[in-house]
Amino acid sequence: MANTTNVTVILDDEKLEFVMDSDKTILDGALENGVDAPHSCQGGICTTCICKVISGKADMEDEYALSDEEQDEGFVLACISKPLSNKITIDFDDV
């Protein structure tokens, strides 16, 4: 059985919660759970899915669209980021 992560998404001033497989991207998990998360290219290029990790940890693969400063501040691209912790909160509003 796959590991799961409890996810809280802040989007349009609402908190949405769901459980997702940890081996999927945060964007895929959100979309599969009915969250209308902002996205476009789904390849880490356009930055439409930028969000901030408020708590927990995420691993962003092959990242070149965000600056080191943005990454240091906790910003990730949901389309190429997978949760590393069993609980994570991400904020699409604080970008």
N, C-alpha and C. Protein backbone atom coordinates (compact mmCIF):
# COMPACT_ATOMS: atom_id res chain seq x y z
N MET A 1 0.84 -1.19 0.00
CA MET A 1 0.00 0.00 0.00
C MET A 1 0.88 1.25 0.00
N ALA A 2 0.48 2.22 -0.78
CA ALA A 2 1.26 3.45 -0.88
C ALA A 2 1.15 4.27 0.40
N ASN A 3 2.20 5.02 0.68
CA ASN A 3 2.13 5.96 1.80
C ASN A 3 1.18 7.08 1.42
N THR A 4 0.54 7.64 2.42
CA THR A 4 -0.39 8.73 2.16
C THR A 4 0.01 9.97 2.94
N THR A 5 -0.49 11.10 2.49
CA THR A 5 -0.25 12.38 3.14
C THR A 5 -1.58 13.09 3.33
N ASN A 6 -1.77 13.65 4.51
CA ASN A 6 -2.93 14.50 4.78
C ASN A 6 -2.59 15.90 4.31
N VAL A 7 -3.37 16.42 3.39
CA VAL A 7 -3.08 17.71 2.76
C VAL A 7 -4.16 18.72 3.13
N THR A 8 -3.71 19.92 3.50
CA THR A 8 -4.61 21.06 3.65
C THR A 8 -4.20 22.08 2.59
N VAL A 9 -5.15 22.48 1.78
CA VAL A 9 -4.92 23.47 0.73
C VAL A 9 -5.68 24.73 1.09
N ILE A 10 -4.98 25.86 1.04
CA ILE A 10 -5.63 27.16 1.20
C ILE A 10 -5.76 27.76 -0.20
N LEU A 11 -7.00 27.97 -0.61
CA LEU A 11 -7.27 28.45 -1.96
C LEU A 11 -8.53 29.30 -1.94
N ASP A 12 -8.43 30.52 -2.44
CA ASP A 12 -9.57 31.45 -2.46
C ASP A 12 -10.17 31.63 -1.07
N ASP A 13 -9.29 31.80 -0.08
CA ASP A 13 -9.68 32.03 1.32
C ASP A 13 -10.46 30.87 1.94
N GLU A 14 -10.33 29.68 1.37
CA GLU A 14 -10.96 28.49 1.94
C GLU A 14 -9.88 27.46 2.26
N LYS A 15 -10.13 26.65 3.29
CA LYS A 15 -9.24 25.53 3.62
C LYS A 15 -9.93 24.25 3.17
N LEU A 16 -9.23 23.51 2.33
CA LEU A 16 -9.74 22.25 1.81
C LEU A 16 -8.80 21.14 2.26
N GLU A 17 -9.35 20.03 2.72
CA GLU A 17 -8.51 18.94 3.23
C GLU A 17 -8.80 17.65 2.47
N PHE A 18 -7.75 16.89 2.22
CA PHE A 18 -7.89 15.59 1.57
C PHE A 18 -6.67 14.73 1.89
N VAL A 19 -6.77 13.45 1.57
CA VAL A 19 -5.66 12.51 1.73
C VAL A 19 -5.25 12.07 0.33
N MET A 20 -3.93 12.03 0.09
CA MET A 20 -3.43 11.64 -1.22
C MET A 20 -2.26 10.67 -1.09
N ASP A 21 -1.97 9.94 -2.16
CA ASP A 21 -0.79 9.08 -2.20
C ASP A 21 0.45 9.96 -2.25
N SER A 22 1.43 9.63 -1.44
CA SER A 22 2.65 10.44 -1.35
C SER A 22 3.52 10.36 -2.60
N ASP A 23 3.28 9.37 -3.46
CA ASP A 23 4.10 9.25 -4.66
C ASP A 23 3.56 10.07 -5.83
N LYS A 24 2.46 10.79 -5.62
CA LYS A 24 1.90 11.66 -6.66
C LYS A 24 2.29 13.11 -6.38
N THR A 25 2.19 13.94 -7.41
CA THR A 25 2.47 15.36 -7.18
C THR A 25 1.31 15.98 -6.41
N ILE A 26 1.61 17.07 -5.75
CA ILE A 26 0.58 17.79 -4.99
C ILE A 26 -0.55 18.22 -5.91
N LEU A 27 -0.22 18.67 -7.11
CA LEU A 27 -1.26 19.09 -8.05
C LEU A 27 -2.15 17.92 -8.44
N ASP A 28 -1.55 16.78 -8.77
CA ASP A 28 -2.36 15.61 -9.14
C ASP A 28 -3.28 15.21 -7.99
N GLY A 29 -2.74 15.19 -6.77
CA GLY A 29 -3.55 14.85 -5.60
C GLY A 29 -4.71 15.82 -5.42
N ALA A 30 -4.42 17.10 -5.60
CA ALA A 30 -5.47 18.11 -5.45
C ALA A 30 -6.56 17.94 -6.51
N LEU A 31 -6.16 17.79 -7.76
CA LEU A 31 -7.13 17.66 -8.84
C LEU A 31 -7.97 16.39 -8.68
N GLU A 32 -7.33 15.29 -8.27
CA GLU A 32 -8.05 14.03 -8.08
C GLU A 32 -9.06 14.12 -6.94
N ASN A 33 -8.85 15.07 -6.03
CA ASN A 33 -9.76 15.25 -4.90
C ASN A 33 -10.70 16.43 -5.07
N GLY A 34 -10.84 16.90 -6.30
CA GLY A 34 -11.83 17.93 -6.61
C GLY A 34 -11.43 19.35 -6.30
N VAL A 35 -10.14 19.57 -6.01
CA VAL A 35 -9.67 20.93 -5.74
C VAL A 35 -9.36 21.61 -7.07
N ASP A 36 -9.92 22.78 -7.30
CA ASP A 36 -9.72 23.52 -8.54
C ASP A 36 -8.44 24.36 -8.44
N ALA A 37 -7.32 23.67 -8.28
CA ALA A 37 -6.03 24.35 -8.10
C ALA A 37 -5.58 24.97 -9.42
N PRO A 38 -4.96 26.15 -9.34
CA PRO A 38 -4.48 26.79 -10.57
C PRO A 38 -3.37 25.95 -11.20
N HIS A 39 -3.45 25.77 -12.51
CA HIS A 39 -2.43 25.02 -13.23
C HIS A 39 -2.56 25.29 -14.73
N SER A 40 -1.49 24.96 -15.45
CA SER A 40 -1.52 25.10 -16.89
C SER A 40 -0.64 24.03 -17.53
N CYS A 41 0.66 24.23 -17.55
CA CYS A 41 1.56 23.35 -18.30
C CYS A 41 1.76 21.98 -17.66
N GLN A 42 1.67 21.90 -16.36
CA GLN A 42 1.90 20.69 -15.57
C GLN A 42 3.31 20.12 -15.78
N GLY A 43 4.25 20.99 -16.15
CA GLY A 43 5.62 20.55 -16.36
C GLY A 43 6.66 21.39 -15.65
N GLY A 44 6.24 22.29 -14.78
CA GLY A 44 7.19 23.10 -14.02
C GLY A 44 7.77 24.28 -14.76
N ILE A 45 7.11 24.71 -15.82
CA ILE A 45 7.65 25.80 -16.64
C ILE A 45 6.88 27.11 -16.46
N CYS A 46 5.55 27.05 -16.44
CA CYS A 46 4.75 28.28 -16.50
C CYS A 46 4.58 28.97 -15.14
N THR A 47 4.77 28.29 -14.05
CA THR A 47 4.64 28.77 -12.66
C THR A 47 3.20 29.11 -12.26
N THR A 48 2.21 28.71 -13.05
CA THR A 48 0.82 28.97 -12.69
C THR A 48 0.44 28.31 -11.36
N CYS A 49 1.04 27.16 -11.06
CA CYS A 49 0.68 26.39 -9.87
C CYS A 49 1.55 26.71 -8.65
N ILE A 50 2.22 27.86 -8.67
CA ILE A 50 3.08 28.22 -7.54
C ILE A 50 2.24 28.29 -6.26
N CYS A 51 2.81 27.76 -5.20
CA CYS A 51 2.15 27.79 -3.89
C CYS A 51 3.23 27.82 -2.82
N LYS A 52 2.83 28.08 -1.60
CA LYS A 52 3.78 28.17 -0.50
C LYS A 52 3.49 27.04 0.49
N VAL A 53 4.55 26.34 0.88
CA VAL A 53 4.42 25.30 1.90
C VAL A 53 4.42 25.99 3.26
N ILE A 54 3.29 25.91 3.96
CA ILE A 54 3.13 26.56 5.26
C ILE A 54 3.62 25.64 6.38
N SER A 55 3.33 24.36 6.25
CA SER A 55 3.83 23.37 7.21
C SER A 55 4.04 22.06 6.48
N GLY A 56 4.96 21.25 6.99
CA GLY A 56 5.31 20.01 6.33
C GLY A 56 6.44 20.24 5.34
N LYS A 57 6.72 19.22 4.56
CA LYS A 57 7.82 19.30 3.59
C LYS A 57 7.39 18.73 2.25
N ALA A 58 7.97 19.31 1.19
CA ALA A 58 7.73 18.84 -0.17
C ALA A 58 9.05 18.80 -0.91
N ASP A 59 9.14 17.89 -1.87
CA ASP A 59 10.32 17.78 -2.72
C ASP A 59 9.93 18.21 -4.13
N MET A 60 10.63 19.22 -4.63
CA MET A 60 10.36 19.73 -5.96
C MET A 60 11.41 19.16 -6.91
N GLU A 61 10.94 18.43 -7.93
CA GLU A 61 11.84 17.78 -8.88
C GLU A 61 12.19 18.70 -10.05
N ASP A 62 13.44 18.65 -10.49
CA ASP A 62 13.88 19.35 -11.70
C ASP A 62 13.40 20.79 -11.78
N GLU A 63 13.63 21.54 -10.73
CA GLU A 63 13.13 22.91 -10.64
C GLU A 63 14.11 23.91 -11.23
N TYR A 64 13.63 24.70 -12.15
CA TYR A 64 14.44 25.79 -12.70
C TYR A 64 13.64 27.06 -12.93
N ALA A 65 12.33 27.02 -12.68
CA ALA A 65 11.49 28.20 -12.93
C ALA A 65 11.44 29.15 -11.74
N LEU A 66 11.73 28.65 -10.53
CA LEU A 66 11.72 29.51 -9.34
C LEU A 66 13.14 29.87 -8.93
N SER A 67 13.30 31.08 -8.43
CA SER A 67 14.62 31.51 -7.96
C SER A 67 14.97 30.79 -6.66
N ASP A 68 16.25 30.80 -6.32
CA ASP A 68 16.69 30.23 -5.05
C ASP A 68 16.00 30.93 -3.89
N GLU A 69 15.82 32.24 -4.01
CA GLU A 69 15.16 33.01 -2.95
C GLU A 69 13.72 32.56 -2.76
N GLU A 70 13.00 32.35 -3.86
CA GLU A 70 11.62 31.88 -3.76
C GLU A 70 11.56 30.51 -3.10
N GLN A 71 12.47 29.64 -3.48
CA GLN A 71 12.51 28.30 -2.88
C GLN A 71 12.84 28.38 -1.40
N ASP A 72 13.78 29.25 -1.04
CA ASP A 72 14.15 29.42 0.37
C ASP A 72 12.98 29.93 1.20
N GLU A 73 12.07 30.69 0.57
CA GLU A 73 10.90 31.23 1.27
C GLU A 73 9.77 30.21 1.36
N GLY A 74 9.97 29.01 0.79
CA GLY A 74 8.98 27.95 0.90
C GLY A 74 8.08 27.77 -0.31
N PHE A 75 8.35 28.50 -1.38
CA PHE A 75 7.52 28.37 -2.57
C PHE A 75 7.91 27.13 -3.37
N VAL A 76 6.90 26.45 -3.91
CA VAL A 76 7.11 25.29 -4.76
C VAL A 76 6.12 25.36 -5.92
N LEU A 77 6.36 24.55 -6.92
CA LEU A 77 5.41 24.38 -8.01
C LEU A 77 4.67 23.07 -7.75
N ALA A 78 3.37 23.15 -7.57
CA ALA A 78 2.59 21.97 -7.18
C ALA A 78 2.65 20.85 -8.22
N CYS A 79 2.87 21.20 -9.48
CA CYS A 79 2.86 20.18 -10.54
C CYS A 79 4.10 19.29 -10.53
N ILE A 80 5.18 19.73 -9.89
CA ILE A 80 6.40 18.92 -9.86
C ILE A 80 6.88 18.67 -8.43
N SER A 81 5.99 18.87 -7.46
CA SER A 81 6.34 18.68 -6.06
C SER A 81 5.54 17.54 -5.45
N LYS A 82 6.25 16.71 -4.69
CA LYS A 82 5.62 15.60 -3.98
C LYS A 82 5.79 15.82 -2.49
N PRO A 83 4.79 15.45 -1.71
CA PRO A 83 4.91 15.62 -0.25
C PRO A 83 5.94 14.66 0.33
N LEU A 84 6.74 15.15 1.28
CA LEU A 84 7.71 14.32 1.98
C LEU A 84 7.26 14.00 3.40
N SER A 85 6.30 14.72 3.90
CA SER A 85 5.82 14.52 5.27
C SER A 85 4.42 13.91 5.22
N ASN A 86 3.99 13.36 6.35
CA ASN A 86 2.66 12.73 6.37
C ASN A 86 1.53 13.75 6.51
N LYS A 87 1.91 15.01 6.72
CA LYS A 87 0.93 16.10 6.79
C LYS A 87 1.57 17.35 6.19
N ILE A 88 0.84 18.03 5.32
CA ILE A 88 1.38 19.23 4.67
C ILE A 88 0.25 20.24 4.46
N THR A 89 0.60 21.51 4.61
CA THR A 89 -0.34 22.60 4.31
C THR A 89 0.29 23.47 3.24
N ILE A 90 -0.45 23.70 2.17
CA ILE A 90 0.04 24.56 1.10
C ILE A 90 -0.96 25.68 0.85
N ASP A 91 -0.42 26.83 0.49
CA ASP A 91 -1.23 28.04 0.33
C ASP A 91 -1.06 28.57 -1.09
N PHE A 92 -2.14 28.54 -1.86
CA PHE A 92 -2.11 29.11 -3.21
C PHE A 92 -2.41 30.60 -3.20
N ASP A 93 -2.92 31.13 -2.08
CA ASP A 93 -3.29 32.54 -2.00
C ASP A 93 -2.11 33.45 -1.68
N ASP A 94 -1.12 32.94 -0.95
CA ASP A 94 0.00 33.76 -0.46
C ASP A 94 1.17 33.72 -1.43
N VAL A 95 0.91 34.11 -2.69
CA VAL A 95 1.98 34.10 -3.70
C VAL A 95 2.09 35.45 -4.37
